[in-house]
N, C-alpha and C. Protein backbone atom coordinates (compact mmCIF):
# COMPACT_ATOMS: atom_id res chain seq x y z
N MET A 1 14.86 9.05 -1.98
CA MET A 1 13.71 8.33 -1.44
C MET A 1 13.73 8.50 0.08
N THR A 2 12.60 8.84 0.66
CA THR A 2 12.51 8.99 2.11
C THR A 2 12.58 7.62 2.78
N MET A 3 12.84 7.61 4.07
CA MET A 3 12.89 6.36 4.81
C MET A 3 11.52 5.68 4.81
N GLU A 4 10.46 6.49 4.92
CA GLU A 4 9.10 5.93 4.89
C GLU A 4 8.84 5.24 3.55
N ALA A 5 9.21 5.91 2.46
CA ALA A 5 9.00 5.32 1.13
C ALA A 5 9.84 4.06 0.97
N ALA A 6 11.05 4.06 1.49
CA ALA A 6 11.91 2.88 1.40
C ALA A 6 11.32 1.71 2.20
N ASP A 7 10.80 2.01 3.39
CA ASP A 7 10.19 0.96 4.22
C ASP A 7 8.98 0.33 3.53
N THR A 8 8.11 1.18 3.00
CA THR A 8 6.90 0.64 2.35
C THR A 8 7.26 -0.09 1.06
N ALA A 9 8.21 0.43 0.30
CA ALA A 9 8.61 -0.24 -0.94
C ALA A 9 9.22 -1.61 -0.64
N ASP A 10 10.06 -1.67 0.40
CA ASP A 10 10.68 -2.94 0.78
C ASP A 10 9.61 -3.95 1.22
N LEU A 11 8.67 -3.51 2.01
CA LEU A 11 7.63 -4.42 2.49
C LEU A 11 6.75 -4.91 1.34
N LEU A 12 6.42 -4.02 0.41
CA LEU A 12 5.63 -4.43 -0.75
C LEU A 12 6.40 -5.42 -1.63
N THR A 13 7.69 -5.22 -1.75
CA THR A 13 8.52 -6.18 -2.51
C THR A 13 8.48 -7.55 -1.85
N ARG A 14 8.60 -7.57 -0.53
CA ARG A 14 8.56 -8.84 0.21
C ARG A 14 7.18 -9.49 0.10
N ALA A 15 6.13 -8.68 0.16
CA ALA A 15 4.77 -9.22 0.02
C ALA A 15 4.59 -9.81 -1.38
N ARG A 16 5.09 -9.11 -2.40
CA ARG A 16 4.99 -9.62 -3.77
C ARG A 16 5.72 -10.95 -3.90
N GLN A 17 6.93 -11.02 -3.37
CA GLN A 17 7.70 -12.26 -3.45
C GLN A 17 6.99 -13.40 -2.73
N SER A 18 6.39 -13.11 -1.60
CA SER A 18 5.71 -14.17 -0.84
C SER A 18 4.44 -14.63 -1.56
N LEU A 19 3.72 -13.72 -2.19
CA LEU A 19 2.49 -14.08 -2.90
C LEU A 19 2.76 -14.79 -4.22
N GLU A 20 3.87 -14.45 -4.87
CA GLU A 20 4.18 -15.06 -6.16
C GLU A 20 4.43 -16.56 -6.06
N ARG A 21 4.60 -17.06 -4.87
CA ARG A 21 4.71 -18.52 -4.69
C ARG A 21 3.38 -19.20 -5.02
N TYR A 22 2.27 -18.42 -4.93
CA TYR A 22 0.93 -18.98 -5.08
C TYR A 22 0.13 -18.38 -6.23
N LEU A 23 0.38 -17.12 -6.58
CA LEU A 23 -0.47 -16.38 -7.50
C LEU A 23 0.34 -15.53 -8.47
N GLU A 24 -0.32 -15.10 -9.53
CA GLU A 24 0.27 -14.10 -10.41
C GLU A 24 -0.05 -12.73 -9.82
N VAL A 25 0.97 -11.93 -9.56
CA VAL A 25 0.81 -10.64 -8.89
C VAL A 25 1.23 -9.53 -9.84
N HIS A 26 0.45 -8.46 -9.86
CA HIS A 26 0.76 -7.28 -10.67
C HIS A 26 1.11 -6.13 -9.74
N VAL A 27 2.08 -5.31 -10.15
CA VAL A 27 2.46 -4.13 -9.38
C VAL A 27 1.89 -2.92 -10.10
N ASP A 28 1.02 -2.18 -9.41
CA ASP A 28 0.41 -0.99 -9.98
C ASP A 28 1.40 0.17 -9.98
N ASP A 29 1.06 1.24 -10.69
CA ASP A 29 1.93 2.42 -10.78
C ASP A 29 2.25 3.01 -9.41
N ASP A 30 1.32 2.90 -8.47
CA ASP A 30 1.55 3.46 -7.13
C ASP A 30 2.26 2.48 -6.20
N GLY A 31 2.62 1.30 -6.71
CA GLY A 31 3.33 0.30 -5.92
C GLY A 31 2.43 -0.74 -5.30
N ALA A 32 1.10 -0.52 -5.30
CA ALA A 32 0.17 -1.49 -4.73
C ALA A 32 0.24 -2.79 -5.53
N LEU A 33 -0.02 -3.89 -4.85
CA LEU A 33 -0.03 -5.21 -5.48
C LEU A 33 -1.47 -5.61 -5.75
N THR A 34 -1.77 -6.08 -6.94
CA THR A 34 -3.11 -6.57 -7.25
C THR A 34 -3.01 -7.98 -7.79
N PHE A 35 -4.04 -8.78 -7.47
CA PHE A 35 -4.11 -10.16 -7.91
C PHE A 35 -5.52 -10.66 -7.69
N SER A 36 -5.82 -11.83 -8.23
CA SER A 36 -7.12 -12.47 -8.01
C SER A 36 -6.90 -13.88 -7.52
N HIS A 37 -7.83 -14.33 -6.69
CA HIS A 37 -7.83 -15.70 -6.20
C HIS A 37 -9.26 -16.20 -6.30
N ALA A 38 -9.51 -17.21 -7.13
CA ALA A 38 -10.85 -17.79 -7.29
C ALA A 38 -11.89 -16.70 -7.53
N ASP A 39 -11.64 -15.84 -8.49
CA ASP A 39 -12.54 -14.76 -8.90
C ASP A 39 -12.69 -13.64 -7.87
N VAL A 40 -11.84 -13.59 -6.86
CA VAL A 40 -11.88 -12.52 -5.86
C VAL A 40 -10.69 -11.60 -6.11
N PRO A 41 -10.96 -10.36 -6.60
CA PRO A 41 -9.85 -9.42 -6.79
C PRO A 41 -9.38 -8.87 -5.45
N CYS A 42 -8.05 -8.71 -5.32
CA CYS A 42 -7.45 -8.26 -4.07
C CYS A 42 -6.38 -7.21 -4.35
N VAL A 43 -6.12 -6.40 -3.33
CA VAL A 43 -5.05 -5.41 -3.39
C VAL A 43 -4.32 -5.39 -2.06
N VAL A 44 -2.99 -5.26 -2.13
CA VAL A 44 -2.15 -5.13 -0.93
C VAL A 44 -1.45 -3.78 -1.02
N GLN A 45 -1.54 -3.03 0.08
CA GLN A 45 -0.88 -1.73 0.17
C GLN A 45 -0.07 -1.71 1.47
N ALA A 46 0.92 -0.82 1.52
CA ALA A 46 1.75 -0.69 2.72
C ALA A 46 1.73 0.75 3.20
N THR A 47 1.75 0.89 4.53
CA THR A 47 1.77 2.20 5.16
C THR A 47 2.70 2.15 6.37
N ARG A 48 3.57 3.13 6.47
CA ARG A 48 4.44 3.23 7.65
C ARG A 48 3.77 4.15 8.65
N LEU A 49 3.32 3.60 9.78
CA LEU A 49 2.64 4.39 10.80
C LEU A 49 3.61 5.11 11.72
N ALA A 50 4.74 4.47 12.00
CA ALA A 50 5.78 5.05 12.84
C ALA A 50 7.07 4.30 12.52
N GLU A 51 8.18 4.84 12.96
CA GLU A 51 9.45 4.15 12.73
C GLU A 51 9.39 2.76 13.33
N GLY A 52 9.66 1.76 12.50
CA GLY A 52 9.62 0.37 12.95
C GLY A 52 8.23 -0.26 12.90
N LEU A 53 7.22 0.49 12.45
CA LEU A 53 5.86 -0.03 12.39
C LEU A 53 5.26 0.23 11.01
N THR A 54 5.56 -0.69 10.10
CA THR A 54 5.00 -0.61 8.75
C THR A 54 3.95 -1.70 8.62
N MET A 55 2.78 -1.29 8.19
CA MET A 55 1.62 -2.18 8.10
C MET A 55 1.35 -2.57 6.67
N LEU A 56 0.89 -3.80 6.50
CA LEU A 56 0.33 -4.22 5.22
C LEU A 56 -1.18 -4.22 5.38
N SER A 57 -1.86 -3.77 4.35
CA SER A 57 -3.31 -3.75 4.32
C SER A 57 -3.75 -4.54 3.10
N LEU A 58 -4.57 -5.56 3.33
CA LEU A 58 -5.08 -6.42 2.26
C LEU A 58 -6.58 -6.22 2.17
N THR A 59 -7.07 -5.87 0.99
CA THR A 59 -8.50 -5.72 0.75
C THR A 59 -8.89 -6.66 -0.38
N CYS A 60 -9.90 -7.49 -0.13
CA CYS A 60 -10.44 -8.40 -1.13
C CYS A 60 -11.90 -8.02 -1.39
N VAL A 61 -12.27 -7.91 -2.65
CA VAL A 61 -13.66 -7.62 -3.01
C VAL A 61 -14.34 -8.96 -3.22
N VAL A 62 -15.09 -9.38 -2.21
CA VAL A 62 -15.71 -10.69 -2.18
C VAL A 62 -16.83 -10.79 -3.22
N ALA A 63 -17.67 -9.77 -3.31
CA ALA A 63 -18.78 -9.74 -4.28
C ALA A 63 -19.20 -8.29 -4.47
N TRP A 64 -19.89 -8.02 -5.56
CA TRP A 64 -20.30 -6.66 -5.85
C TRP A 64 -21.64 -6.68 -6.56
N ASP A 65 -22.32 -5.54 -6.46
CA ASP A 65 -23.63 -5.35 -7.09
C ASP A 65 -24.64 -6.41 -6.66
N LEU A 66 -24.58 -6.82 -5.41
CA LEU A 66 -25.54 -7.79 -4.88
C LEU A 66 -26.84 -7.07 -4.55
N PRO A 67 -27.97 -7.75 -4.68
CA PRO A 67 -29.23 -7.10 -4.32
C PRO A 67 -29.30 -6.84 -2.81
N ALA A 68 -29.86 -5.69 -2.45
CA ALA A 68 -30.05 -5.36 -1.03
C ALA A 68 -31.17 -6.26 -0.51
N ASP A 69 -30.80 -7.21 0.32
CA ASP A 69 -31.74 -8.25 0.73
C ASP A 69 -31.46 -8.62 2.19
N ALA A 70 -32.53 -8.77 2.97
CA ALA A 70 -32.39 -9.06 4.40
C ALA A 70 -31.67 -10.39 4.63
N GLY A 71 -31.91 -11.37 3.77
CA GLY A 71 -31.25 -12.67 3.91
C GLY A 71 -29.75 -12.55 3.73
N LEU A 72 -29.33 -11.76 2.76
CA LEU A 72 -27.90 -11.55 2.54
C LEU A 72 -27.28 -10.81 3.73
N ALA A 73 -27.96 -9.80 4.21
CA ALA A 73 -27.45 -9.05 5.37
C ALA A 73 -27.27 -9.97 6.57
N ALA A 74 -28.22 -10.86 6.80
CA ALA A 74 -28.12 -11.79 7.92
C ALA A 74 -26.96 -12.77 7.72
N ALA A 75 -26.79 -13.25 6.49
CA ALA A 75 -25.70 -14.19 6.20
C ALA A 75 -24.34 -13.52 6.38
N VAL A 76 -24.23 -12.27 5.96
CA VAL A 76 -22.97 -11.53 6.12
C VAL A 76 -22.69 -11.31 7.60
N ALA A 77 -23.70 -10.92 8.36
CA ALA A 77 -23.52 -10.68 9.80
C ALA A 77 -23.12 -11.97 10.51
N GLU A 78 -23.74 -13.08 10.14
CA GLU A 78 -23.40 -14.36 10.77
C GLU A 78 -21.97 -14.75 10.44
N ARG A 79 -21.60 -14.63 9.19
CA ARG A 79 -20.24 -14.99 8.75
C ARG A 79 -19.20 -14.08 9.41
N ALA A 80 -19.53 -12.81 9.58
CA ALA A 80 -18.59 -11.86 10.19
C ALA A 80 -18.31 -12.24 11.64
N GLY A 81 -19.26 -12.86 12.30
CA GLY A 81 -19.09 -13.25 13.68
C GLY A 81 -18.37 -14.56 13.89
N GLN A 82 -17.93 -15.19 12.83
CA GLN A 82 -17.30 -16.50 12.93
C GLN A 82 -15.78 -16.43 13.11
N GLY A 83 -15.25 -15.25 13.37
CA GLY A 83 -13.83 -15.13 13.69
C GLY A 83 -12.91 -15.41 12.52
N LEU A 84 -13.17 -14.81 11.39
CA LEU A 84 -12.29 -15.00 10.23
C LEU A 84 -11.05 -14.15 10.33
N PHE A 85 -10.14 -14.39 9.43
CA PHE A 85 -9.01 -13.47 9.27
C PHE A 85 -9.55 -12.30 8.47
N GLY A 86 -9.70 -11.17 9.10
CA GLY A 86 -10.16 -9.99 8.40
C GLY A 86 -11.53 -9.55 8.88
N THR A 87 -11.93 -8.40 8.38
CA THR A 87 -13.20 -7.80 8.73
C THR A 87 -14.07 -7.71 7.49
N LEU A 88 -15.25 -8.31 7.56
CA LEU A 88 -16.20 -8.22 6.46
C LEU A 88 -16.90 -6.87 6.53
N GLY A 89 -17.08 -6.26 5.39
CA GLY A 89 -17.78 -4.99 5.34
C GLY A 89 -18.69 -4.94 4.13
N THR A 90 -19.76 -4.18 4.27
CA THR A 90 -20.67 -3.97 3.14
C THR A 90 -20.69 -2.49 2.80
N VAL A 91 -20.80 -2.21 1.53
CA VAL A 91 -20.92 -0.85 1.03
C VAL A 91 -22.15 -0.82 0.14
N HIS A 92 -23.06 0.10 0.44
CA HIS A 92 -24.27 0.24 -0.36
C HIS A 92 -24.00 1.23 -1.49
N THR A 93 -24.28 0.81 -2.72
CA THR A 93 -24.09 1.66 -3.89
C THR A 93 -25.41 1.77 -4.64
N ASP A 94 -25.42 2.55 -5.70
CA ASP A 94 -26.62 2.68 -6.54
C ASP A 94 -26.99 1.36 -7.20
N ARG A 95 -26.02 0.47 -7.36
CA ARG A 95 -26.27 -0.80 -8.05
C ARG A 95 -26.49 -1.97 -7.10
N GLY A 96 -26.40 -1.73 -5.80
CA GLY A 96 -26.60 -2.82 -4.84
C GLY A 96 -25.58 -2.76 -3.73
N ILE A 97 -25.19 -3.93 -3.25
CA ILE A 97 -24.26 -4.03 -2.13
C ILE A 97 -22.95 -4.65 -2.61
N ASP A 98 -21.84 -4.03 -2.19
CA ASP A 98 -20.51 -4.60 -2.41
C ASP A 98 -20.03 -5.16 -1.08
N LEU A 99 -19.37 -6.28 -1.12
CA LEU A 99 -18.89 -6.96 0.08
C LEU A 99 -17.37 -7.08 0.01
N THR A 100 -16.69 -6.58 1.05
CA THR A 100 -15.22 -6.64 1.10
C THR A 100 -14.76 -7.37 2.35
N LEU A 101 -13.55 -7.87 2.27
CA LEU A 101 -12.87 -8.45 3.43
C LEU A 101 -11.54 -7.70 3.53
N ARG A 102 -11.29 -7.11 4.70
CA ARG A 102 -10.08 -6.31 4.90
C ARG A 102 -9.29 -6.87 6.09
N TYR A 103 -7.98 -6.79 5.96
CA TYR A 103 -7.10 -7.24 7.04
C TYR A 103 -5.84 -6.40 7.01
N ALA A 104 -5.46 -5.83 8.14
CA ALA A 104 -4.23 -5.06 8.24
C ALA A 104 -3.41 -5.60 9.41
N PHE A 105 -2.10 -5.62 9.23
CA PHE A 105 -1.24 -6.17 10.26
C PHE A 105 0.18 -5.63 10.11
N PRO A 106 0.92 -5.54 11.23
CA PRO A 106 2.32 -5.11 11.15
C PRO A 106 3.13 -6.25 10.55
N ALA A 107 3.82 -5.98 9.46
CA ALA A 107 4.49 -7.05 8.73
C ALA A 107 5.99 -6.85 8.58
N GLN A 108 6.49 -5.73 9.05
CA GLN A 108 7.91 -5.45 8.91
C GLN A 108 8.73 -6.52 9.62
N GLY A 109 9.70 -7.08 8.92
CA GLY A 109 10.58 -8.08 9.50
C GLY A 109 10.11 -9.51 9.36
N MET A 110 8.90 -9.73 8.82
CA MET A 110 8.41 -11.11 8.65
C MET A 110 9.18 -11.80 7.53
N ASP A 111 9.50 -13.06 7.73
CA ASP A 111 10.12 -13.85 6.68
C ASP A 111 9.10 -14.12 5.57
N LEU A 112 9.57 -14.46 4.38
CA LEU A 112 8.69 -14.64 3.23
C LEU A 112 7.66 -15.75 3.42
N ALA A 113 8.06 -16.89 3.95
CA ALA A 113 7.13 -18.01 4.08
C ALA A 113 5.97 -17.68 5.02
N PRO A 114 6.22 -17.19 6.24
CA PRO A 114 5.09 -16.85 7.11
C PRO A 114 4.25 -15.70 6.56
N LEU A 115 4.88 -14.74 5.90
CA LEU A 115 4.15 -13.64 5.31
C LEU A 115 3.20 -14.15 4.23
N GLY A 116 3.69 -15.02 3.38
CA GLY A 116 2.84 -15.60 2.33
C GLY A 116 1.72 -16.44 2.91
N THR A 117 2.02 -17.20 3.96
CA THR A 117 0.99 -18.02 4.60
C THR A 117 -0.11 -17.14 5.17
N LEU A 118 0.26 -16.08 5.87
CA LEU A 118 -0.73 -15.20 6.47
C LEU A 118 -1.58 -14.51 5.40
N LEU A 119 -0.95 -14.00 4.36
CA LEU A 119 -1.71 -13.37 3.28
C LEU A 119 -2.66 -14.36 2.61
N MET A 120 -2.19 -15.58 2.39
CA MET A 120 -3.05 -16.58 1.75
C MET A 120 -4.18 -17.05 2.65
N LEU A 121 -3.99 -17.02 3.96
CA LEU A 121 -5.10 -17.34 4.87
C LEU A 121 -6.23 -16.33 4.69
N VAL A 122 -5.88 -15.06 4.57
CA VAL A 122 -6.90 -14.02 4.39
C VAL A 122 -7.56 -14.17 3.02
N VAL A 123 -6.76 -14.35 1.98
CA VAL A 123 -7.29 -14.47 0.63
C VAL A 123 -8.18 -15.71 0.51
N SER A 124 -7.76 -16.81 1.11
CA SER A 124 -8.57 -18.03 1.07
C SER A 124 -9.88 -17.84 1.83
N THR A 125 -9.84 -17.09 2.92
CA THR A 125 -11.06 -16.78 3.65
C THR A 125 -12.02 -15.99 2.77
N ALA A 126 -11.50 -15.00 2.05
CA ALA A 126 -12.35 -14.20 1.16
C ALA A 126 -12.99 -15.09 0.09
N SER A 127 -12.22 -15.99 -0.49
CA SER A 127 -12.76 -16.89 -1.51
C SER A 127 -13.81 -17.82 -0.93
N GLN A 128 -13.58 -18.30 0.30
CA GLN A 128 -14.56 -19.18 0.94
C GLN A 128 -15.84 -18.43 1.28
N VAL A 129 -15.71 -17.19 1.75
CA VAL A 129 -16.90 -16.37 2.04
C VAL A 129 -17.70 -16.17 0.76
N ARG A 130 -17.01 -15.88 -0.33
CA ARG A 130 -17.69 -15.68 -1.62
C ARG A 130 -18.48 -16.94 -1.98
N SER A 131 -17.84 -18.08 -1.89
CA SER A 131 -18.48 -19.34 -2.22
C SER A 131 -19.68 -19.60 -1.31
N ASP A 132 -19.50 -19.40 -0.01
CA ASP A 132 -20.57 -19.65 0.96
C ASP A 132 -21.76 -18.72 0.75
N LEU A 133 -21.49 -17.44 0.57
CA LEU A 133 -22.58 -16.47 0.47
C LEU A 133 -23.30 -16.49 -0.87
N LEU A 134 -22.56 -16.81 -1.93
CA LEU A 134 -23.19 -16.82 -3.24
C LEU A 134 -23.72 -18.19 -3.62
N GLY A 135 -23.40 -19.20 -2.81
CA GLY A 135 -23.91 -20.54 -3.07
C GLY A 135 -23.34 -21.18 -4.31
N THR A 136 -22.15 -20.77 -4.70
CA THR A 136 -21.48 -21.35 -5.88
C THR A 136 -20.07 -21.72 -5.50
N GLU A 137 -19.49 -22.61 -6.25
CA GLU A 137 -18.09 -22.93 -6.06
C GLU A 137 -17.27 -21.84 -6.73
N SER A 138 -16.18 -21.44 -6.10
CA SER A 138 -15.31 -20.41 -6.66
C SER A 138 -14.86 -20.81 -8.05
N GLY A 139 -14.94 -19.85 -8.97
CA GLY A 139 -14.48 -20.09 -10.32
C GLY A 139 -15.54 -20.63 -11.25
N GLU A 140 -16.73 -21.02 -10.74
CA GLU A 140 -17.77 -21.53 -11.60
C GLU A 140 -18.55 -20.38 -12.22
N PRO A 141 -19.17 -20.59 -13.39
CA PRO A 141 -20.01 -19.55 -13.97
C PRO A 141 -21.11 -19.18 -12.98
N GLY A 142 -21.49 -17.90 -13.00
CA GLY A 142 -22.51 -17.44 -12.10
C GLY A 142 -21.94 -16.89 -10.80
N ALA A 143 -20.64 -16.96 -10.64
CA ALA A 143 -20.00 -16.45 -9.42
C ALA A 143 -19.29 -15.12 -9.71
N ASP A 144 -19.82 -14.35 -10.65
CA ASP A 144 -19.12 -13.13 -11.06
C ASP A 144 -19.59 -11.87 -10.37
N GLY A 145 -20.25 -11.98 -9.32
CA GLY A 145 -20.60 -10.76 -8.63
C GLY A 145 -21.84 -10.96 -7.90
């Protein structure tokens, strides 16, 4: 195993351990971590950019297949400007608009408790954005996309 692979594997193991305090986490074949929080699917991946600089990248799919609508675009733009943990993004597809929240940060050397807290801040933000933009409480029927 290369040093880069060892660094990313170690960081993903630590991220899994920190998240398992709060959620059920699955490890994919490629080592990525997947889980859901209040109907928001998320994935955590690790990348070593340079020696001593291994990053975690968290992507949450806030909503998908939303109608292309000026009101939604305005709400997303307003929410994006509110200084959340992460960057809101929209992707236009044949079926509508998908909304993601992404956050990347250097995580090498972080203790489990602060790592879990930081990851959960981002995940909770994604769940809150979903609730705010879709006008439903997380986990209620009708909040499936």
